[in-house]
Amino acid sequence: MDFWQRYRAIDARDTRFDGQFYTAVRTTGIYCRPSCPARTPKAENVTFYETSAAAHDAGYRACKRCLPEAVPGTPAWNQRQDVAGRAMRLINDGVVNRDGVAGLAARLGYSARQLNRILTQELGAGPLSLARAGRAQTARTLLVSTSMKLADVAFAAGFSSVRQFNETMLAVFAMTPGALRLAARPHRPAGGTTALTLTLPYRHPFDPGIFSFLAARAIPGVEAGTARSYARTLRLQHGDARFRVDYDAGSRTRPLTLTVGAVDLRDLPALLSRVRRLFDLDADPEAIDGTLRADPRLATSVAAAPGMRMPGAVDPQELLVRAMAGQQVTVAAARTALTRLSVAGSPSTAAGDGLERLFPTPAQVAGAGHLLAGPQRRIDALLHTASVMASGELDFGYGSDVPGLEASLLPLPGVGPWTVGYVAMRVLGAPDIFLANDAAVRNGIRALTGGTNGSGINAGGVLSPDFRETSPWRSYATMHLWRAAAAPSTGHRPADLKVMK
């Protein structure tokens, strides 16, 4: 977006752009979200920033009226496969808090100095400032949503000391942590509970079908899911965690809530980031749906399920194991195989609510060949992949890009384009993956086109079988096709379909 497109967005107070850029006003010294209800500033007094960290570094403070930190993040970090996008995914996952800037740079293959220069040029702030802004946002969320002690909030958000916490909150919000809490009148949980309950912000609309997707694949003892809730155990840097996400469409103030049953407070920022990735809460559904509904093959599905989300992954290595176990079998068969494999996992120290185990580590999977069934070639491929992950020979994660993922995974026996595409969708959040050879995708095309091979009319006369017209959102087109494949047949067929060989 150029300056005037952004200016028109703030003049219209368009909530779709909240979190995607920030508006700083020179005459007031504050920065706002695009939908701030305050009077629109004069254009000559406005500077737009890609990140709140850039606004902080330029000397601006957060608006107390619109709370620009209390918004979803930008979907750009998943769309962008460049260094800046990869770095932001890792920063959001807490890499700077855990390993410092040097650790972040090493993961990306740059020196710390080079990385600082790239991020400052692309995003207006270096990695330390970006991580600092993330800590401030996490701290504000905890202050207004929980009754945690201020010192606990400081360390849970990733600050190294209470003094650093106080100074940062005062610099960013022009308020002390205690004043922020009092101003927000937080909901306080019942006395005696140790669980943290937080509201998860997102852009409307939100289709809760993602809960059914996760529930159908949930492994008993590790996960539990329904059409409106999902819970699981998770292994993090400093210990085990357990969380639950609930959706209440009837609630105006807390429709999507996260309850953290157990976690080491040092891991809380990473947990929050991974939950947001799992539920794709930084997506821009209006932009996605606007592109998808222009395709006649998808228009009916988009109308029926606006705001569909693409499930992410809370553990990249686990997701690869699950993807390989799910190759060329049904969802039910894959779940049965993974349930059998999950016996190799360790008991969780965060056990509760019927969840008592962790998903097996790669080393545990590598030693669990006796729990696997099926063709020996597939078993051998899975065990080999688990071994190379356990040894560190195979290293990938949120900071990877699609070409790098292909280079790492395709040489492995038993790994093909479908597996790489599926991992790219769910680990990287890559929005433009189309799984053309997926059986459910083909079934979904037939369901939506009345039995044809999935072509249709567009301005050029023919729609492509790889859905390139829906780019850069073909991953979401794939989700709609999966939904259509799982739904009862309606007999609906869009008119005037043509075949593109």
Protein backbone atom coordinates (compact mmCIF):
# COMPACT_ATOMS: atom_id res chain seq x y z
CA MET A 1 0.00 0.00 0.00
CA ASP A 2 1.23 3.50 -0.79
CA PHE A 3 0.81 6.53 1.48
CA TRP A 4 -2.56 7.61 0.15
CA GLN A 5 -4.06 4.11 0.24
CA ARG A 6 -3.10 3.91 3.89
CA TYR A 7 -4.36 7.41 4.56
CA ARG A 8 -7.74 6.53 3.06
CA ALA A 9 -7.82 3.44 5.29
CA ILE A 10 -7.29 5.50 8.47
CA ASP A 11 -9.80 8.12 7.29
CA ALA A 12 -12.37 5.29 6.91
CA ARG A 13 -11.26 3.77 10.26
CA ASP A 14 -11.00 0.44 8.49
CA THR A 15 -10.48 -2.35 11.05
CA ARG A 16 -9.20 -4.73 8.35
CA PHE A 17 -5.82 -3.01 8.47
CA ASP A 18 -5.36 -3.05 12.25
CA GLY A 19 -1.99 -4.64 12.96
CA GLN A 20 -0.86 -4.43 9.35
CA PHE A 21 0.62 -0.93 9.71
CA TYR A 22 0.73 1.84 12.30
CA THR A 23 -0.05 5.55 12.05
CA ALA A 24 2.26 7.99 13.87
CA VAL A 25 1.23 11.62 14.31
CA ARG A 26 4.04 14.14 14.73
CA THR A 27 1.91 16.78 16.48
CA THR A 28 0.82 14.42 19.26
CA GLY A 29 3.82 12.08 19.50
CA ILE A 30 1.63 8.99 19.53
CA TYR A 31 0.97 6.10 17.16
CA CYS A 32 -2.38 4.44 16.53
CA ARG A 33 -4.03 1.53 14.81
CA PRO A 34 -5.75 2.40 11.49
CA SER A 35 -9.24 2.19 13.04
CA CYS A 36 -8.51 4.64 15.87
CA PRO A 37 -11.72 6.61 16.61
CA ALA A 38 -9.83 9.86 17.11
CA ARG A 39 -10.13 12.62 14.52
CA THR A 40 -8.18 11.86 11.35
CA PRO A 41 -4.88 13.79 11.48
CA LYS A 42 -3.72 16.00 8.65
CA ALA A 43 -1.77 14.08 6.03
CA GLU A 44 1.29 16.29 6.42
CA ASN A 45 1.56 15.25 10.09
CA VAL A 46 1.34 11.51 9.46
CA THR A 47 4.07 8.88 9.11
CA PHE A 48 3.23 5.24 8.52
CA TYR A 49 5.32 2.43 10.01
CA GLU A 50 5.38 -1.26 9.17
CA THR A 51 5.76 -2.27 12.81
CA SER A 52 5.03 -0.81 16.22
CA ALA A 53 8.74 -1.27 17.00
CA ALA A 54 9.63 1.20 14.26
CA ALA A 55 7.22 3.72 15.79
CA HIS A 56 8.79 3.14 19.22
CA ASP A 57 12.27 3.70 17.84
CA ALA A 58 11.13 6.93 16.21
CA GLY A 59 10.05 8.24 19.61
CA TYR A 60 6.28 7.68 19.47
CA ARG A 61 4.11 6.23 22.23
CA ALA A 62 1.08 4.00 21.93
CA CYS A 63 -2.36 5.61 21.84
CA LYS A 64 -4.29 5.01 25.07
CA ARG A 65 -7.60 5.28 23.24
CA CYS A 66 -7.24 2.69 20.46
CA LEU A 67 -4.61 0.42 22.10
CA PRO A 68 -2.65 -0.38 18.92
CA GLU A 69 -0.89 -3.31 20.61
CA ALA A 70 -4.18 -5.14 21.25
CA VAL A 71 -4.73 -6.24 17.65
CA PRO A 72 -3.92 -9.27 15.49
CA GLY A 73 -0.54 -9.30 13.82
CA THR A 74 0.11 -8.90 10.14
CA PRO A 75 -0.28 -11.87 7.77
CA ALA A 76 2.68 -10.51 5.81
CA TRP A 77 5.17 -12.62 7.77
CA ASN A 78 3.68 -15.80 6.31
CA GLN A 79 3.28 -14.35 2.82
CA ARG A 80 6.84 -13.09 2.76
CA GLN A 81 9.47 -15.77 2.31
CA ASP A 82 12.35 -13.27 2.42
CA VAL A 83 14.74 -12.73 5.32
CA ALA A 84 12.48 -10.17 6.99
CA GLY A 85 9.46 -12.48 6.96
CA ARG A 86 11.46 -15.46 8.18
CA ALA A 87 13.05 -13.35 10.92
CA MET A 88 9.68 -12.08 12.15
CA ARG A 89 8.30 -15.62 12.42
CA LEU A 90 11.28 -16.57 14.58
CA ILE A 91 11.14 -13.38 16.67
CA ASN A 92 7.44 -14.01 17.33
CA ASP A 93 8.37 -17.52 18.46
CA GLY A 94 10.74 -16.06 21.06
CA VAL A 95 14.10 -16.88 19.48
CA VAL A 96 15.65 -13.52 20.43
CA ASN A 97 14.46 -13.95 24.03
CA ARG A 98 16.01 -17.43 24.17
CA ASP A 99 19.12 -17.18 21.98
CA GLY A 100 19.73 -13.48 21.46
CA VAL A 101 20.28 -11.67 18.16
CA ALA A 102 23.31 -13.85 17.42
CA GLY A 103 21.16 -16.98 17.69
CA LEU A 104 18.52 -15.49 15.38
CA ALA A 105 21.14 -14.46 12.83
CA ALA A 106 22.76 -17.91 12.88
CA ARG A 107 19.42 -19.58 12.13
CA LEU A 108 18.97 -17.32 9.13
CA GLY A 109 22.54 -17.66 7.86
CA TYR A 110 23.57 -14.03 8.37
CA SER A 111 25.82 -12.14 10.72
CA ALA A 112 24.12 -10.14 13.46
CA ARG A 113 25.25 -6.91 11.79
CA GLN A 114 23.86 -7.90 8.39
CA LEU A 115 20.56 -8.97 9.91
CA ASN A 116 20.20 -5.73 11.84
CA ARG A 117 20.79 -3.76 8.64
CA ILE A 118 18.26 -5.82 6.64
CA LEU A 119 15.49 -5.57 9.24
CA THR A 120 16.06 -1.87 9.83
CA GLN A 121 15.84 -1.23 6.10
CA GLU A 122 12.79 -3.45 5.55
CA LEU A 123 10.81 -2.95 8.76
CA GLY A 124 12.16 0.22 10.30
CA ALA A 125 13.57 -1.49 13.40
CA GLY A 126 16.27 -4.00 14.29
CA PRO A 127 15.74 -7.40 15.90
CA LEU A 128 16.19 -6.14 19.47
CA SER A 129 13.53 -3.47 18.99
CA LEU A 130 11.17 -5.91 17.31
CA ALA A 131 11.58 -8.38 20.18
CA ARG A 132 11.11 -5.56 22.70
CA ALA A 133 7.81 -4.58 21.05
CA GLY A 134 6.67 -8.20 21.23
CA ARG A 135 7.50 -8.34 24.93
CA ALA A 136 5.55 -5.14 25.55
CA GLN A 137 2.54 -6.53 23.70
CA THR A 138 2.63 -9.80 25.67
CA ALA A 139 3.00 -7.91 28.95
CA ARG A 140 0.04 -5.65 28.18
CA THR A 141 -2.09 -8.70 27.38
CA LEU A 142 -1.19 -10.34 30.68
CA LEU A 143 -1.73 -7.14 32.66
CA VAL A 144 -5.25 -6.56 31.39
CA SER A 145 -6.37 -10.19 31.16
CA THR A 146 -5.00 -11.79 34.32
CA SER A 147 -4.32 -11.04 37.99
CA MET A 148 -0.71 -12.25 37.81
CA LYS A 149 1.77 -10.43 40.02
CA LEU A 150 3.63 -7.68 38.17
CA ALA A 151 6.98 -9.42 38.64
CA ASP A 152 5.53 -12.63 37.17
CA VAL A 153 4.18 -10.65 34.21
CA ALA A 154 7.64 -9.18 33.62
CA PHE A 155 9.40 -12.53 33.40
CA ALA A 156 6.53 -14.24 31.57
CA ALA A 157 6.70 -11.59 28.85
CA GLY A 158 10.44 -12.17 28.41
CA PHE A 159 11.95 -9.21 30.27
CA SER A 160 15.23 -9.90 32.05
CA SER A 161 14.37 -7.72 35.06
CA VAL A 162 11.46 -5.88 36.65
CA ARG A 163 13.30 -2.61 36.11
CA GLN A 164 13.57 -3.27 32.35
CA PHE A 165 9.87 -4.18 32.33
CA ASN A 166 8.82 -0.96 34.06
CA GLU A 167 11.00 1.21 31.84
CA THR A 168 9.75 -0.40 28.63
CA MET A 169 6.07 -0.19 29.55
CA LEU A 170 6.46 3.45 30.52
CA ALA A 171 8.30 4.23 27.28
CA VAL A 172 5.83 2.41 25.04
CA PHE A 173 2.52 3.20 26.74
CA ALA A 174 3.35 6.28 28.83
CA MET A 175 1.85 4.36 31.78
CA THR A 176 3.27 2.21 34.52
CA PRO A 177 2.29 -1.47 34.52
CA GLY A 178 0.06 -0.93 37.54
CA ALA A 179 -1.71 1.99 35.88
CA LEU A 180 -2.27 -0.05 32.73
CA ARG A 181 -3.93 -2.78 34.77
CA LEU A 182 -6.16 -0.39 36.70
CA ALA A 183 -7.24 1.43 33.55
CA ALA A 184 -8.31 -1.80 31.87
CA ARG A 185 -10.43 -3.13 34.80
CA PRO A 186 -9.34 -6.69 34.07
CA HIS A 187 -11.47 -9.78 34.36
CA ARG A 188 -10.13 -11.62 37.38
CA PRO A 189 -10.32 -15.41 37.53
CA ALA A 190 -11.90 -17.14 40.50
CA GLY A 191 -9.74 -17.20 43.61
CA GLY A 192 -7.32 -20.07 43.89
CA THR A 193 -7.06 -20.95 40.21
CA THR A 194 -3.61 -21.13 38.64
CA ALA A 195 -4.89 -21.16 35.03
CA LEU A 196 -4.43 -18.11 32.81
CA THR A 197 -7.35 -17.17 30.58
CA LEU A 198 -6.65 -14.75 27.74
CA THR A 199 -8.78 -13.35 24.93
CA LEU A 200 -7.31 -14.00 21.48
CA PRO A 201 -7.79 -11.12 19.01
CA TYR A 202 -8.47 -11.89 15.33
CA ARG A 203 -9.91 -10.30 12.22
CA HIS A 204 -13.52 -11.04 11.39
CA PRO A 205 -15.06 -13.17 10.04
CA PHE A 206 -13.93 -16.36 11.76
CA ASP A 207 -15.06 -19.80 10.61
CA PRO A 208 -14.88 -22.30 13.51
CA GLY A 209 -14.39 -25.20 11.09
CA ILE A 210 -10.73 -25.24 12.10
CA PHE A 211 -11.79 -26.83 15.39
CA SER A 212 -13.41 -29.74 13.53
CA PHE A 213 -10.29 -30.11 11.40
CA LEU A 214 -8.10 -30.41 14.49
CA ALA A 215 -10.60 -32.62 16.35
CA ALA A 216 -10.69 -35.15 13.51
CA ARG A 217 -6.91 -35.51 13.79
CA ALA A 218 -6.60 -35.33 17.59
CA ILE A 219 -4.52 -38.05 19.24
CA PRO A 220 -6.11 -39.28 22.50
CA GLY A 221 -3.97 -38.53 25.54
CA VAL A 222 -2.07 -35.81 23.66
CA GLU A 223 -4.97 -33.79 22.21
CA ALA A 224 -8.71 -33.42 22.65
CA GLY A 225 -11.05 -31.59 20.33
CA THR A 226 -14.69 -30.79 19.62
CA ALA A 227 -16.46 -28.55 17.11
CA ARG A 228 -15.83 -25.57 19.40
CA SER A 229 -12.76 -26.44 21.48
CA TYR A 230 -9.25 -27.83 21.22
CA ALA A 231 -6.74 -28.78 23.91
CA ARG A 232 -3.34 -30.43 23.97
CA THR A 233 -0.01 -30.89 25.73
CA LEU A 234 3.14 -29.39 24.28
CA ARG A 235 6.89 -29.57 24.90
CA LEU A 236 8.54 -26.13 25.09
CA GLN A 237 12.02 -24.81 25.84
CA HIS A 238 11.75 -24.79 29.63
CA GLY A 239 9.18 -27.50 30.25
CA ASP A 240 5.84 -29.02 29.33
CA ALA A 241 2.71 -26.96 28.78
CA ARG A 242 -1.01 -27.60 28.43
CA PHE A 243 -3.55 -25.26 26.86
CA ARG A 244 -7.14 -25.13 25.67
CA VAL A 245 -8.82 -22.83 23.13
CA ASP A 246 -12.60 -22.33 23.18
CA TYR A 247 -14.89 -20.57 20.72
CA ASP A 248 -18.18 -18.97 21.79
CA ALA A 249 -19.91 -17.31 18.85
CA GLY A 250 -22.45 -15.72 21.20
CA SER A 251 -19.87 -13.78 23.20
CA ARG A 252 -19.24 -10.22 22.09
CA THR A 253 -16.26 -9.58 24.35
CA ARG A 254 -14.51 -12.98 24.55
CA PRO A 255 -15.49 -15.14 21.56
CA LEU A 256 -12.10 -16.88 21.34
CA THR A 257 -10.32 -17.63 24.59
CA LEU A 258 -7.09 -19.36 25.50
CA THR A 259 -6.80 -21.10 28.85
CA VAL A 260 -3.26 -22.06 29.81
CA GLY A 261 -3.50 -24.93 32.26
CA ALA A 262 0.23 -25.24 32.88
CA VAL A 263 3.36 -23.57 31.53
CA ASP A 264 6.76 -22.32 32.64
CA LEU A 265 6.25 -18.55 32.51
CA ARG A 266 9.44 -18.15 30.49
CA ASP A 267 7.75 -20.13 27.70
CA LEU A 268 4.53 -18.13 27.67
CA PRO A 269 5.42 -15.80 24.73
CA ALA A 270 6.33 -18.81 22.57
CA LEU A 271 3.12 -20.58 23.57
CA LEU A 272 1.00 -17.55 22.66
CA SER A 273 2.76 -17.24 19.31
CA ARG A 274 2.27 -20.92 18.48
CA VAL A 275 -1.40 -20.89 19.43
CA ARG A 276 -1.93 -17.91 17.15
CA ARG A 277 -0.14 -19.75 14.35
CA LEU A 278 -2.15 -22.91 14.99
CA PHE A 279 -5.43 -21.04 14.55
CA ASP A 280 -4.16 -18.65 11.85
CA LEU A 281 -5.33 -15.67 13.88
CA ASP A 282 -3.27 -13.08 11.99
CA ALA A 283 -4.95 -13.87 8.66
CA ASP A 284 -6.84 -11.23 6.68
CA PRO A 285 -10.03 -13.19 5.83
CA GLU A 286 -11.73 -10.43 3.86
CA ALA A 287 -8.81 -10.17 1.46
CA ILE A 288 -8.62 -13.95 1.15
CA ASP A 289 -12.35 -14.49 0.67
CA GLY A 290 -12.56 -11.62 -1.81
CA THR A 291 -10.11 -13.42 -4.09
CA LEU A 292 -11.54 -16.92 -3.59
CA ARG A 293 -15.18 -16.01 -4.16
CA ALA A 294 -14.28 -14.62 -7.60
CA ASP A 295 -13.61 -18.22 -8.67
CA PRO A 296 -16.99 -19.80 -9.59
CA ARG A 297 -15.82 -23.17 -8.29
CA LEU A 298 -15.35 -21.77 -4.79
CA ALA A 299 -17.99 -19.05 -4.53
CA THR A 300 -20.61 -21.26 -2.87
CA SER A 301 -18.14 -22.68 -0.36
CA VAL A 302 -16.79 -19.23 0.57
CA ALA A 303 -20.34 -17.95 1.09
CA ALA A 304 -21.09 -20.92 3.36
CA ALA A 305 -17.85 -20.66 5.38
CA PRO A 306 -16.50 -17.09 5.36
CA GLY A 307 -13.28 -16.56 7.28
CA MET A 308 -11.91 -20.08 6.89
CA ARG A 309 -8.54 -20.50 8.59
CA MET A 310 -5.54 -22.61 7.65
CA PRO A 311 -4.36 -24.74 10.59
CA GLY A 312 -0.77 -24.21 11.61
CA ALA A 313 1.60 -26.31 13.71
CA VAL A 314 2.80 -25.99 17.30
CA ASP A 315 5.83 -28.24 16.65
CA PRO A 316 7.47 -28.40 13.19
CA GLN A 317 9.14 -31.78 13.70
CA GLU A 318 5.93 -33.33 15.00
CA LEU A 319 4.07 -32.03 11.97
CA LEU A 320 6.50 -33.73 9.58
CA VAL A 321 6.02 -37.06 11.36
CA ARG A 322 2.25 -36.63 11.17
CA ALA A 323 2.41 -35.68 7.50
CA MET A 324 4.45 -38.76 6.62
CA ALA A 325 2.12 -41.00 8.62
CA GLY A 326 -0.82 -39.51 6.73
CA GLN A 327 0.50 -40.06 3.21
CA GLN A 328 -1.88 -41.97 0.94
CA VAL A 329 -4.21 -42.99 3.78
CA THR A 330 -7.43 -41.58 5.18
CA VAL A 331 -7.53 -39.15 8.10
CA ALA A 332 -9.01 -41.90 10.29
CA ALA A 333 -6.27 -44.37 9.35
CA ALA A 334 -3.55 -41.79 10.02
CA ARG A 335 -5.07 -40.99 13.40
CA THR A 336 -5.11 -44.69 14.31
CA ALA A 337 -1.45 -45.07 13.34
CA LEU A 338 -0.41 -41.95 15.25
CA THR A 339 -2.39 -42.99 18.33
CA ARG A 340 -0.45 -46.26 18.36
CA LEU A 341 2.82 -44.36 17.90
CA SER A 342 1.99 -41.89 20.67
CA VAL A 343 2.53 -44.62 23.27
CA ALA A 344 6.26 -43.96 22.76
CA GLY A 345 5.80 -40.41 24.06
CA SER A 346 6.80 -39.39 27.56
CA PRO A 347 4.29 -38.68 30.34
CA SER A 348 3.66 -34.95 30.54
CA THR A 349 4.51 -32.99 33.66
CA ALA A 350 1.66 -30.67 32.63
CA ALA A 351 -0.88 -33.50 32.63
CA GLY A 352 -4.53 -32.71 33.34
CA ASP A 353 -8.04 -32.80 31.87
CA GLY A 354 -7.42 -36.25 30.40
CA LEU A 355 -4.22 -35.23 28.62
CA GLU A 356 -1.32 -37.16 30.07
CA ARG A 357 1.28 -37.64 27.33
CA LEU A 358 3.48 -35.64 25.00
CA PHE A 359 3.81 -36.42 21.32
CA PRO A 360 7.00 -38.50 20.86
CA THR A 361 10.25 -36.71 20.13
CA PRO A 362 12.08 -37.64 16.90
CA ALA A 363 14.43 -39.83 18.96
CA GLN A 364 11.46 -41.64 20.50
CA VAL A 365 9.85 -42.10 17.07
CA ALA A 366 13.12 -43.49 15.70
CA GLY A 367 13.06 -46.18 18.37
CA ALA A 368 9.40 -47.06 17.99
CA GLY A 369 9.43 -49.11 14.80
CA HIS A 370 7.59 -51.92 16.61
CA LEU A 371 4.57 -49.59 17.04
CA LEU A 372 4.23 -48.85 13.33
CA ALA A 373 2.16 -50.81 10.85
CA GLY A 374 1.82 -50.72 7.09
CA PRO A 375 4.21 -51.13 4.16
CA GLN A 376 7.77 -51.64 5.37
CA ARG A 377 9.04 -49.04 2.92
CA ARG A 378 6.85 -46.38 4.51
CA ILE A 379 7.90 -47.44 8.01
CA ASP A 380 11.59 -47.31 7.06
CA ALA A 381 11.16 -43.84 5.54
CA LEU A 382 9.49 -42.50 8.69
CA LEU A 383 12.12 -44.02 10.99
CA HIS A 384 14.94 -42.61 8.84
CA THR A 385 13.42 -39.13 8.88
CA ALA A 386 12.99 -39.30 12.64
CA SER A 387 16.64 -40.34 13.00
CA VAL A 388 18.03 -37.46 10.97
CA MET A 389 15.85 -34.99 12.90
CA ALA A 390 17.03 -36.48 16.20
CA SER A 391 20.68 -36.22 15.15
CA GLY A 392 20.34 -32.61 14.00
CA GLU A 393 21.15 -33.42 10.37
CA LEU A 394 17.68 -32.22 9.38
CA ASP A 395 16.85 -28.81 10.80
CA PHE A 396 13.84 -26.79 9.69
CA GLY A 397 11.19 -24.67 11.36
CA TYR A 398 9.31 -21.39 11.34
CA GLY A 399 12.34 -19.56 9.95
CA SER A 400 12.57 -21.73 6.83
CA ASP A 401 11.32 -20.69 3.40
CA VAL A 402 9.59 -22.86 0.81
CA PRO A 403 12.68 -23.41 -1.43
CA GLY A 404 14.77 -24.25 1.62
CA LEU A 405 12.12 -26.66 2.86
CA GLU A 406 12.07 -28.40 -0.52
CA ALA A 407 15.87 -28.67 -0.53
CA SER A 408 15.85 -30.17 2.99
CA LEU A 409 12.94 -32.59 2.68
CA LEU A 410 12.74 -33.83 -0.91
CA PRO A 411 16.02 -35.83 -0.75
CA LEU A 412 14.56 -37.90 2.12
CA PRO A 413 13.18 -41.32 1.16
CA GLY A 414 9.41 -41.38 1.25
CA VAL A 415 9.04 -37.59 1.03
CA GLY A 416 7.48 -36.13 -2.09
CA PRO A 417 5.94 -32.84 -3.22
CA TRP A 418 2.68 -33.49 -1.32
CA THR A 419 4.51 -33.84 2.00
CA VAL A 420 6.62 -30.74 1.40
CA GLY A 421 3.56 -28.73 0.40
CA TYR A 422 1.59 -29.86 3.42
CA VAL A 423 4.46 -29.01 5.78
CA ALA A 424 4.89 -25.61 4.08
CA MET A 425 1.20 -24.85 4.61
CA ARG A 426 1.11 -25.80 8.25
CA VAL A 427 4.59 -24.95 9.54
CA LEU A 428 5.41 -21.86 7.50
CA GLY A 429 1.84 -20.71 6.98
CA ALA A 430 2.68 -20.47 3.26
CA PRO A 431 -0.54 -19.11 1.74
CA ASP A 432 -0.09 -20.15 -1.91
CA ILE A 433 0.29 -23.95 -1.83
CA PHE A 434 -1.99 -26.10 -3.97
CA LEU A 435 -1.88 -29.86 -3.35
CA ALA A 436 -2.95 -30.94 -6.82
CA ASN A 437 -2.29 -34.65 -6.27
CA ASP A 438 -4.16 -34.86 -2.99
CA ALA A 439 -7.09 -37.29 -3.22
CA ALA A 440 -9.31 -35.13 -1.01
CA VAL A 441 -8.54 -32.08 -3.16
CA ARG A 442 -9.64 -33.98 -6.26
CA ASN A 443 -12.78 -35.16 -4.47
CA GLY A 444 -13.48 -31.59 -3.37
CA ILE A 445 -13.18 -30.33 -6.93
CA ARG A 446 -15.63 -32.98 -8.11
CA ALA A 447 -18.01 -32.10 -5.27
CA LEU A 448 -17.98 -28.41 -6.17
CA THR A 449 -18.15 -28.87 -9.95
CA GLY A 450 -20.76 -31.60 -10.15
CA GLY A 451 -18.38 -34.34 -11.25
CA THR A 452 -16.31 -32.48 -13.84
CA ASN A 453 -12.54 -32.35 -13.53
CA GLY A 454 -12.64 -28.95 -11.90
CA SER A 455 -12.31 -26.34 -14.63
CA GLY A 456 -14.55 -23.34 -15.13
CA ILE A 457 -15.10 -20.07 -16.98
CA ASN A 458 -13.13 -16.92 -16.30
CA ALA A 459 -12.49 -13.75 -18.29
CA GLY A 460 -10.00 -15.61 -20.46
CA GLY A 461 -12.47 -18.39 -21.21
CA VAL A 462 -11.10 -21.15 -18.96
CA LEU A 463 -10.12 -21.65 -15.34
CA SER A 464 -6.91 -23.51 -14.60
CA PRO A 465 -6.93 -26.88 -12.81
CA ASP A 466 -4.26 -25.68 -10.36
CA PHE A 467 -6.47 -22.78 -9.20
CA ARG A 468 -3.83 -20.20 -10.07
CA GLU A 469 -6.60 -17.59 -10.34
CA THR A 470 -6.86 -17.69 -6.54
CA SER A 471 -3.16 -16.92 -5.99
CA PRO A 472 -1.70 -15.89 -3.56
CA TRP A 473 -4.33 -17.72 -1.47
CA ARG A 474 -4.30 -21.22 -2.96
CA SER A 475 -3.65 -22.80 0.44
CA TYR A 476 -7.05 -21.47 1.51
CA ALA A 477 -8.57 -22.77 -1.71
CA THR A 478 -7.17 -26.16 -0.69
CA MET A 479 -8.92 -25.84 2.68
CA HIS A 480 -12.25 -25.17 0.95
CA LEU A 481 -11.75 -28.19 -1.29
CA TRP A 482 -11.00 -30.39 1.72
CA ARG A 483 -14.17 -29.10 3.34
CA ALA A 484 -16.20 -29.88 0.23
CA ALA A 485 -14.74 -33.38 0.06
CA ALA A 486 -15.78 -34.08 3.65
CA ALA A 487 -19.30 -32.66 3.27
CA PRO A 488 -22.33 -34.64 2.05
CA SER A 489 -22.90 -34.30 -1.67
CA THR A 490 -25.28 -31.48 -2.63
CA GLY A 491 -25.42 -32.06 -6.33
CA HIS A 492 -24.54 -28.39 -6.90
CA ARG A 493 -22.70 -27.59 -10.10
CA PRO A 494 -21.60 -24.12 -11.20
CA ALA A 495 -22.81 -23.27 -14.68
CA ASP A 496 -20.76 -23.22 -17.88
CA LEU A 497 -17.76 -25.25 -16.79
CA LYS A 498 -15.08 -25.93 -19.38
CA VAL A 499 -12.11 -28.24 -19.30
CA MET A 500 -8.50 -27.06 -19.43
CA LYS A 501 -6.31 -30.03 -20.34
